[in-house]
N, C-alpha and C. Protein backbone atom coordinates (compact mmCIF):
# COMPACT_ATOMS: atom_id res chain seq x y z
N MET A 1 -11.74 1.21 -7.64
CA MET A 1 -11.78 1.95 -6.40
C MET A 1 -12.85 3.03 -6.45
N ASP A 2 -13.07 3.58 -7.63
CA ASP A 2 -14.07 4.64 -7.75
C ASP A 2 -15.43 4.20 -7.20
N SER A 3 -15.86 3.02 -7.57
CA SER A 3 -17.19 2.59 -7.16
C SER A 3 -17.27 2.21 -5.68
N GLU A 4 -16.16 1.76 -5.12
CA GLU A 4 -16.18 1.25 -3.75
C GLU A 4 -15.79 2.27 -2.69
N PHE A 5 -14.91 3.20 -3.03
CA PHE A 5 -14.36 4.11 -2.03
C PHE A 5 -14.44 5.57 -2.47
N GLN A 6 -15.63 6.06 -2.72
CA GLN A 6 -15.84 7.44 -3.15
C GLN A 6 -15.33 8.45 -2.13
N ALA A 7 -15.56 8.22 -0.85
CA ALA A 7 -15.16 9.17 0.20
C ALA A 7 -13.65 9.36 0.26
N GLU A 8 -12.91 8.36 -0.19
CA GLU A 8 -11.45 8.43 -0.12
C GLU A 8 -10.86 9.42 -1.13
N LYS A 9 -11.63 9.82 -2.12
CA LYS A 9 -11.13 10.78 -3.10
C LYS A 9 -10.73 12.09 -2.45
N ALA A 10 -11.41 12.46 -1.38
CA ALA A 10 -11.08 13.70 -0.67
C ALA A 10 -9.80 13.54 0.16
N ALA A 11 -9.48 12.31 0.54
CA ALA A 11 -8.34 12.07 1.41
C ALA A 11 -7.04 11.82 0.65
N PHE A 12 -7.13 11.24 -0.53
CA PHE A 12 -5.94 10.84 -1.27
C PHE A 12 -6.03 11.31 -2.72
N ALA A 13 -4.93 11.81 -3.23
CA ALA A 13 -4.85 12.15 -4.65
C ALA A 13 -4.68 10.86 -5.45
N PHE A 14 -5.19 10.84 -6.66
CA PHE A 14 -5.12 9.65 -7.50
C PHE A 14 -4.26 9.85 -8.74
N GLU A 15 -3.60 11.00 -8.87
CA GLU A 15 -2.82 11.30 -10.06
C GLU A 15 -1.68 10.31 -10.29
N ASP A 16 -1.17 9.71 -9.23
CA ASP A 16 -0.06 8.77 -9.38
C ASP A 16 -0.44 7.58 -10.27
N LEU A 17 -1.71 7.25 -10.32
CA LEU A 17 -2.14 6.11 -11.12
C LEU A 17 -2.16 6.42 -12.63
N ASP A 18 -2.21 7.70 -12.96
CA ASP A 18 -2.19 8.10 -14.37
C ASP A 18 -0.79 7.98 -14.98
N GLU A 19 0.23 8.11 -14.16
CA GLU A 19 1.62 8.11 -14.63
C GLU A 19 2.46 7.18 -13.76
N LEU A 20 2.20 5.89 -13.82
CA LEU A 20 2.88 4.93 -12.94
C LEU A 20 4.39 5.00 -13.06
N ASN A 21 4.92 5.08 -14.26
CA ASN A 21 6.38 5.12 -14.43
C ASN A 21 6.99 6.34 -13.76
N ASN A 22 6.34 7.48 -13.89
CA ASN A 22 6.85 8.69 -13.24
C ASN A 22 6.64 8.65 -11.73
N SER A 23 5.52 8.09 -11.31
CA SER A 23 5.19 8.09 -9.89
C SER A 23 5.95 7.04 -9.08
N TYR A 24 6.28 5.90 -9.69
CA TYR A 24 6.92 4.80 -8.97
C TYR A 24 8.19 4.30 -9.66
N GLY A 25 8.79 5.14 -10.50
CA GLY A 25 9.93 4.70 -11.28
C GLY A 25 11.28 5.11 -10.78
N ASN A 26 11.34 5.78 -9.64
CA ASN A 26 12.62 6.20 -9.10
C ASN A 26 13.31 5.06 -8.36
N LEU A 27 14.59 5.23 -8.09
CA LEU A 27 15.35 4.25 -7.34
C LEU A 27 14.67 4.00 -5.99
N GLY A 28 14.49 2.74 -5.64
CA GLY A 28 13.86 2.39 -4.37
C GLY A 28 12.34 2.43 -4.41
N GLU A 29 11.77 2.50 -5.61
CA GLU A 29 10.32 2.53 -5.75
C GLU A 29 9.87 1.41 -6.69
N ALA A 30 8.63 0.98 -6.53
CA ALA A 30 8.11 -0.09 -7.39
C ALA A 30 6.58 -0.07 -7.34
N PHE A 31 5.98 -0.65 -8.36
CA PHE A 31 4.53 -0.83 -8.38
C PHE A 31 4.27 -2.25 -8.84
N PHE A 32 3.70 -3.06 -7.96
CA PHE A 32 3.46 -4.47 -8.23
C PHE A 32 1.99 -4.70 -8.60
N VAL A 33 1.78 -5.56 -9.57
CA VAL A 33 0.44 -5.82 -10.10
C VAL A 33 0.20 -7.32 -10.14
N ALA A 34 -0.98 -7.72 -9.69
CA ALA A 34 -1.44 -9.11 -9.87
C ALA A 34 -2.42 -9.10 -11.03
N GLU A 35 -2.24 -10.06 -11.93
CA GLU A 35 -3.10 -10.12 -13.11
C GLU A 35 -3.69 -11.51 -13.28
N GLU A 36 -4.86 -11.53 -13.88
CA GLU A 36 -5.44 -12.78 -14.36
C GLU A 36 -5.71 -12.54 -15.83
N GLY A 37 -4.96 -13.23 -16.67
CA GLY A 37 -5.01 -12.92 -18.09
C GLY A 37 -4.47 -11.52 -18.29
N LYS A 38 -5.27 -10.67 -18.90
CA LYS A 38 -4.86 -9.28 -19.10
C LYS A 38 -5.56 -8.34 -18.12
N ARG A 39 -6.27 -8.90 -17.17
CA ARG A 39 -7.04 -8.11 -16.21
C ARG A 39 -6.21 -7.88 -14.93
N ILE A 40 -6.09 -6.63 -14.53
CA ILE A 40 -5.42 -6.31 -13.27
C ILE A 40 -6.40 -6.58 -12.13
N ILE A 41 -5.97 -7.43 -11.19
CA ILE A 41 -6.85 -7.82 -10.09
C ILE A 41 -6.33 -7.37 -8.73
N GLY A 42 -5.11 -6.84 -8.69
CA GLY A 42 -4.57 -6.35 -7.42
C GLY A 42 -3.34 -5.50 -7.64
N THR A 43 -3.09 -4.60 -6.69
CA THR A 43 -1.94 -3.70 -6.80
C THR A 43 -1.36 -3.39 -5.42
N VAL A 44 -0.08 -2.99 -5.43
CA VAL A 44 0.56 -2.36 -4.27
C VAL A 44 1.74 -1.55 -4.80
N GLY A 45 1.89 -0.35 -4.27
CA GLY A 45 2.99 0.51 -4.68
C GLY A 45 3.94 0.77 -3.52
N VAL A 46 5.20 0.98 -3.86
CA VAL A 46 6.22 1.36 -2.87
C VAL A 46 6.78 2.71 -3.31
N LYS A 47 6.68 3.69 -2.45
CA LYS A 47 7.15 5.04 -2.73
C LYS A 47 8.19 5.41 -1.68
N ARG A 48 9.29 5.99 -2.13
CA ARG A 48 10.36 6.39 -1.22
C ARG A 48 9.97 7.65 -0.47
N GLU A 49 9.96 7.59 0.85
CA GLU A 49 9.75 8.77 1.69
C GLU A 49 11.10 9.44 1.94
N ASN A 50 12.07 8.62 2.37
CA ASN A 50 13.46 9.06 2.54
C ASN A 50 14.33 7.80 2.54
N GLU A 51 15.60 7.91 2.82
CA GLU A 51 16.49 6.74 2.69
C GLU A 51 16.17 5.61 3.64
N ARG A 52 15.45 5.87 4.70
CA ARG A 52 15.13 4.80 5.65
C ARG A 52 13.65 4.41 5.69
N VAL A 53 12.77 5.21 5.07
CA VAL A 53 11.33 4.97 5.16
C VAL A 53 10.70 4.88 3.77
N ALA A 54 9.89 3.84 3.58
CA ALA A 54 9.10 3.69 2.35
C ALA A 54 7.62 3.76 2.70
N LEU A 55 6.87 4.30 1.76
CA LEU A 55 5.41 4.35 1.90
C LEU A 55 4.80 3.24 1.06
N LEU A 56 3.89 2.49 1.65
CA LEU A 56 3.11 1.52 0.88
C LEU A 56 1.84 2.23 0.43
N ARG A 57 1.54 2.09 -0.86
CA ARG A 57 0.37 2.78 -1.41
C ARG A 57 -0.41 1.83 -2.29
N ARG A 58 -1.64 2.15 -2.49
CA ARG A 58 -2.49 1.46 -3.47
C ARG A 58 -2.63 -0.04 -3.23
N ILE A 59 -2.69 -0.44 -1.95
CA ILE A 59 -2.98 -1.85 -1.66
C ILE A 59 -4.46 -2.04 -1.99
N PHE A 60 -4.70 -2.78 -3.06
CA PHE A 60 -6.08 -2.97 -3.51
C PHE A 60 -6.21 -4.29 -4.25
N VAL A 61 -7.29 -5.01 -3.97
CA VAL A 61 -7.62 -6.24 -4.68
C VAL A 61 -9.07 -6.12 -5.15
N ASP A 62 -9.29 -6.45 -6.40
CA ASP A 62 -10.63 -6.44 -6.98
C ASP A 62 -11.56 -7.25 -6.07
N PRO A 63 -12.76 -6.74 -5.78
CA PRO A 63 -13.68 -7.46 -4.88
C PRO A 63 -13.93 -8.92 -5.26
N GLU A 64 -13.94 -9.23 -6.56
CA GLU A 64 -14.14 -10.61 -7.02
C GLU A 64 -13.03 -11.55 -6.57
N TYR A 65 -11.86 -11.01 -6.28
CA TYR A 65 -10.67 -11.83 -6.01
C TYR A 65 -10.20 -11.77 -4.56
N ARG A 66 -10.98 -11.14 -3.73
CA ARG A 66 -10.60 -11.06 -2.31
C ARG A 66 -10.76 -12.41 -1.64
N LYS A 67 -10.06 -12.57 -0.53
CA LYS A 67 -10.07 -13.81 0.26
C LYS A 67 -9.39 -14.96 -0.48
N LYS A 68 -8.47 -14.61 -1.40
CA LYS A 68 -7.72 -15.62 -2.13
C LYS A 68 -6.22 -15.42 -1.95
N LYS A 69 -5.85 -14.63 -0.95
CA LYS A 69 -4.44 -14.38 -0.58
C LYS A 69 -3.66 -13.57 -1.62
N ILE A 70 -4.35 -12.93 -2.53
CA ILE A 70 -3.68 -12.09 -3.52
C ILE A 70 -3.08 -10.87 -2.85
N GLY A 71 -3.84 -10.23 -1.98
CA GLY A 71 -3.33 -9.08 -1.24
C GLY A 71 -2.13 -9.44 -0.39
N LEU A 72 -2.17 -10.60 0.24
CA LEU A 72 -1.05 -11.07 1.06
C LEU A 72 0.20 -11.27 0.21
N ARG A 73 0.05 -11.88 -0.96
CA ARG A 73 1.21 -12.09 -1.82
C ARG A 73 1.78 -10.77 -2.32
N LEU A 74 0.91 -9.84 -2.68
CA LEU A 74 1.37 -8.52 -3.11
C LEU A 74 2.10 -7.80 -1.97
N LEU A 75 1.51 -7.82 -0.79
CA LEU A 75 2.12 -7.15 0.36
C LEU A 75 3.47 -7.79 0.68
N ASN A 76 3.54 -9.11 0.69
CA ASN A 76 4.81 -9.78 0.98
C ASN A 76 5.88 -9.43 -0.05
N ARG A 77 5.49 -9.32 -1.31
CA ARG A 77 6.46 -8.94 -2.35
C ARG A 77 6.94 -7.51 -2.13
N ALA A 78 6.06 -6.62 -1.75
CA ALA A 78 6.44 -5.24 -1.48
C ALA A 78 7.38 -5.15 -0.27
N VAL A 79 7.10 -5.91 0.77
CA VAL A 79 7.95 -5.92 1.96
C VAL A 79 9.33 -6.48 1.60
N GLU A 80 9.34 -7.56 0.84
CA GLU A 80 10.61 -8.16 0.41
C GLU A 80 11.44 -7.14 -0.39
N PHE A 81 10.80 -6.44 -1.30
CA PHE A 81 11.47 -5.40 -2.09
C PHE A 81 12.06 -4.33 -1.16
N CYS A 82 11.28 -3.88 -0.19
CA CYS A 82 11.74 -2.84 0.73
C CYS A 82 12.93 -3.31 1.57
N GLU A 83 12.93 -4.57 1.97
CA GLU A 83 14.08 -5.12 2.71
C GLU A 83 15.30 -5.18 1.81
N GLU A 84 15.12 -5.59 0.55
CA GLU A 84 16.24 -5.65 -0.39
C GLU A 84 16.85 -4.27 -0.63
N VAL A 85 16.01 -3.25 -0.72
CA VAL A 85 16.48 -1.89 -0.95
C VAL A 85 17.21 -1.35 0.29
N GLY A 86 16.79 -1.81 1.46
CA GLY A 86 17.44 -1.37 2.69
C GLY A 86 16.63 -0.40 3.54
N TYR A 87 15.34 -0.30 3.27
CA TYR A 87 14.50 0.53 4.11
C TYR A 87 14.45 -0.04 5.52
N ARG A 88 14.29 0.82 6.50
CA ARG A 88 14.20 0.41 7.90
C ARG A 88 12.76 0.38 8.41
N GLU A 89 11.88 1.14 7.73
CA GLU A 89 10.51 1.24 8.20
C GLU A 89 9.57 1.39 7.01
N LEU A 90 8.38 0.80 7.17
CA LEU A 90 7.31 0.94 6.19
C LEU A 90 6.16 1.71 6.83
N VAL A 91 5.56 2.59 6.06
CA VAL A 91 4.40 3.35 6.51
C VAL A 91 3.26 3.09 5.54
N PHE A 92 2.08 2.83 6.09
CA PHE A 92 0.88 2.66 5.28
C PHE A 92 -0.19 3.57 5.83
N ARG A 93 -0.73 4.42 4.96
CA ARG A 93 -1.83 5.31 5.35
C ARG A 93 -3.08 4.87 4.60
N THR A 94 -4.19 4.87 5.31
CA THR A 94 -5.45 4.44 4.72
C THR A 94 -6.59 5.16 5.42
N THR A 95 -7.81 4.74 5.12
CA THR A 95 -8.96 5.29 5.83
C THR A 95 -9.64 4.17 6.60
N SER A 96 -10.47 4.57 7.54
CA SER A 96 -11.16 3.60 8.40
C SER A 96 -12.11 2.71 7.61
N ARG A 97 -12.50 3.10 6.42
CA ARG A 97 -13.42 2.29 5.61
C ARG A 97 -12.72 1.17 4.85
N MET A 98 -11.42 1.20 4.73
CA MET A 98 -10.69 0.17 3.98
C MET A 98 -10.31 -0.98 4.92
N VAL A 99 -11.33 -1.64 5.41
CA VAL A 99 -11.19 -2.65 6.46
C VAL A 99 -10.30 -3.82 6.02
N GLY A 100 -10.45 -4.27 4.79
CA GLY A 100 -9.63 -5.39 4.31
C GLY A 100 -8.15 -5.07 4.33
N ALA A 101 -7.79 -3.88 3.86
CA ALA A 101 -6.37 -3.47 3.86
C ALA A 101 -5.85 -3.33 5.29
N ILE A 102 -6.68 -2.80 6.17
CA ILE A 102 -6.27 -2.64 7.57
C ILE A 102 -6.00 -4.01 8.21
N GLU A 103 -6.91 -4.94 8.01
CA GLU A 103 -6.73 -6.29 8.57
C GLU A 103 -5.49 -6.95 7.99
N LEU A 104 -5.26 -6.78 6.71
CA LEU A 104 -4.10 -7.38 6.05
C LEU A 104 -2.80 -6.86 6.64
N VAL A 105 -2.65 -5.56 6.74
CA VAL A 105 -1.38 -5.02 7.24
C VAL A 105 -1.18 -5.33 8.71
N GLN A 106 -2.24 -5.34 9.48
CA GLN A 106 -2.08 -5.66 10.90
C GLN A 106 -1.67 -7.12 11.09
N ARG A 107 -2.21 -8.02 10.28
CA ARG A 107 -1.80 -9.44 10.36
C ARG A 107 -0.33 -9.60 9.99
N GLN A 108 0.22 -8.65 9.24
CA GLN A 108 1.62 -8.73 8.80
C GLN A 108 2.53 -7.85 9.65
N GLY A 109 2.10 -7.50 10.84
CA GLY A 109 2.98 -6.84 11.80
C GLY A 109 2.97 -5.33 11.80
N PHE A 110 2.09 -4.69 11.05
CA PHE A 110 1.99 -3.23 11.08
C PHE A 110 1.23 -2.81 12.34
N GLN A 111 1.70 -1.74 12.94
CA GLN A 111 1.11 -1.23 14.17
C GLN A 111 0.43 0.10 13.92
N PRO A 112 -0.76 0.32 14.52
CA PRO A 112 -1.43 1.62 14.36
C PRO A 112 -0.63 2.72 15.05
N ARG A 113 -0.49 3.87 14.39
CA ARG A 113 0.29 4.98 14.94
C ARG A 113 -0.48 6.28 15.06
N ALA A 114 -1.48 6.48 14.21
CA ALA A 114 -2.21 7.75 14.26
C ALA A 114 -3.60 7.59 13.66
N LYS A 115 -4.54 8.43 14.18
CA LYS A 115 -5.90 8.52 13.65
C LYS A 115 -6.24 10.00 13.53
N VAL A 116 -6.75 10.38 12.37
CA VAL A 116 -7.14 11.77 12.16
C VAL A 116 -8.55 11.79 11.60
N PRO A 117 -9.52 12.37 12.35
CA PRO A 117 -10.89 12.45 11.84
C PRO A 117 -10.95 13.32 10.59
N MET A 118 -11.75 12.85 9.61
CA MET A 118 -11.94 13.61 8.38
C MET A 118 -13.37 13.38 7.90
N GLY A 119 -14.28 14.18 8.39
CA GLY A 119 -15.69 14.00 8.04
C GLY A 119 -16.21 12.69 8.56
N GLN A 120 -16.73 11.87 7.66
CA GLN A 120 -17.32 10.59 8.04
C GLN A 120 -16.30 9.46 8.14
N ILE A 121 -15.05 9.74 7.82
CA ILE A 121 -14.01 8.71 7.89
C ILE A 121 -12.86 9.20 8.75
N GLU A 122 -11.99 8.27 9.10
CA GLU A 122 -10.75 8.62 9.80
C GLU A 122 -9.58 8.24 8.90
N LEU A 123 -8.56 9.09 8.88
CA LEU A 123 -7.31 8.73 8.24
C LEU A 123 -6.50 7.96 9.26
N LEU A 124 -5.91 6.84 8.86
CA LEU A 124 -5.15 5.99 9.76
C LEU A 124 -3.73 5.82 9.24
N LYS A 125 -2.79 5.73 10.16
CA LYS A 125 -1.39 5.50 9.81
C LYS A 125 -0.91 4.26 10.55
N PHE A 126 -0.26 3.35 9.80
CA PHE A 126 0.31 2.13 10.36
C PHE A 126 1.79 2.10 9.99
N THR A 127 2.62 1.52 10.86
CA THR A 127 4.03 1.39 10.57
C THR A 127 4.52 -0.01 10.89
N ARG A 128 5.62 -0.38 10.25
CA ARG A 128 6.27 -1.67 10.53
C ARG A 128 7.77 -1.49 10.37
N SER A 129 8.53 -1.98 11.34
CA SER A 129 9.98 -1.95 11.26
C SER A 129 10.47 -3.08 10.37
N LEU A 130 11.57 -2.84 9.66
CA LEU A 130 12.18 -3.84 8.79
C LEU A 130 13.61 -4.09 9.22
N LYS A 131 14.19 -5.14 8.67
CA LYS A 131 15.59 -5.45 8.94
C LYS A 131 16.51 -4.37 8.42
N GLY A 132 16.19 -3.87 7.23
CA GLY A 132 16.94 -2.74 6.67
C GLY A 132 18.37 -3.04 6.29
N GLN A 133 18.66 -4.24 5.84
CA GLN A 133 20.02 -4.59 5.43
C GLN A 133 20.11 -4.56 3.91
N LYS A 134 20.95 -3.69 3.39
CA LYS A 134 21.13 -3.61 1.94
C LYS A 134 21.87 -4.84 1.45
N ILE A 135 21.50 -5.30 0.25
CA ILE A 135 22.20 -6.44 -0.34
C ILE A 135 23.08 -5.98 -1.47
């Protein structure tokens, strides 16, 4: 991400990636990874906002592996996890430059909710309602 999305450093903190277990290890949270061999090629995180809302974070696929449905599989697994936990709504925040992630979430039913200008980029918020039935 460093090489591709430098402007996003001002918009989002990256400390959660240094301590994945602490950042995504609470009840109702998860961090999913796609690997090829020992190489991480994609990620998505689920962070608890409150008992009914989860935040999707770190939707990212290595540029070499894009257009191979890896992001879709990661997103679907994260949504499935959120439904199992019983969340009612998913929120995804990104920037206007992360076009691939925006297209992915919109194809999966996320709706745009907010735009906030921030220098040369816009912060965007998308939401999606879930079934929210605990198992």
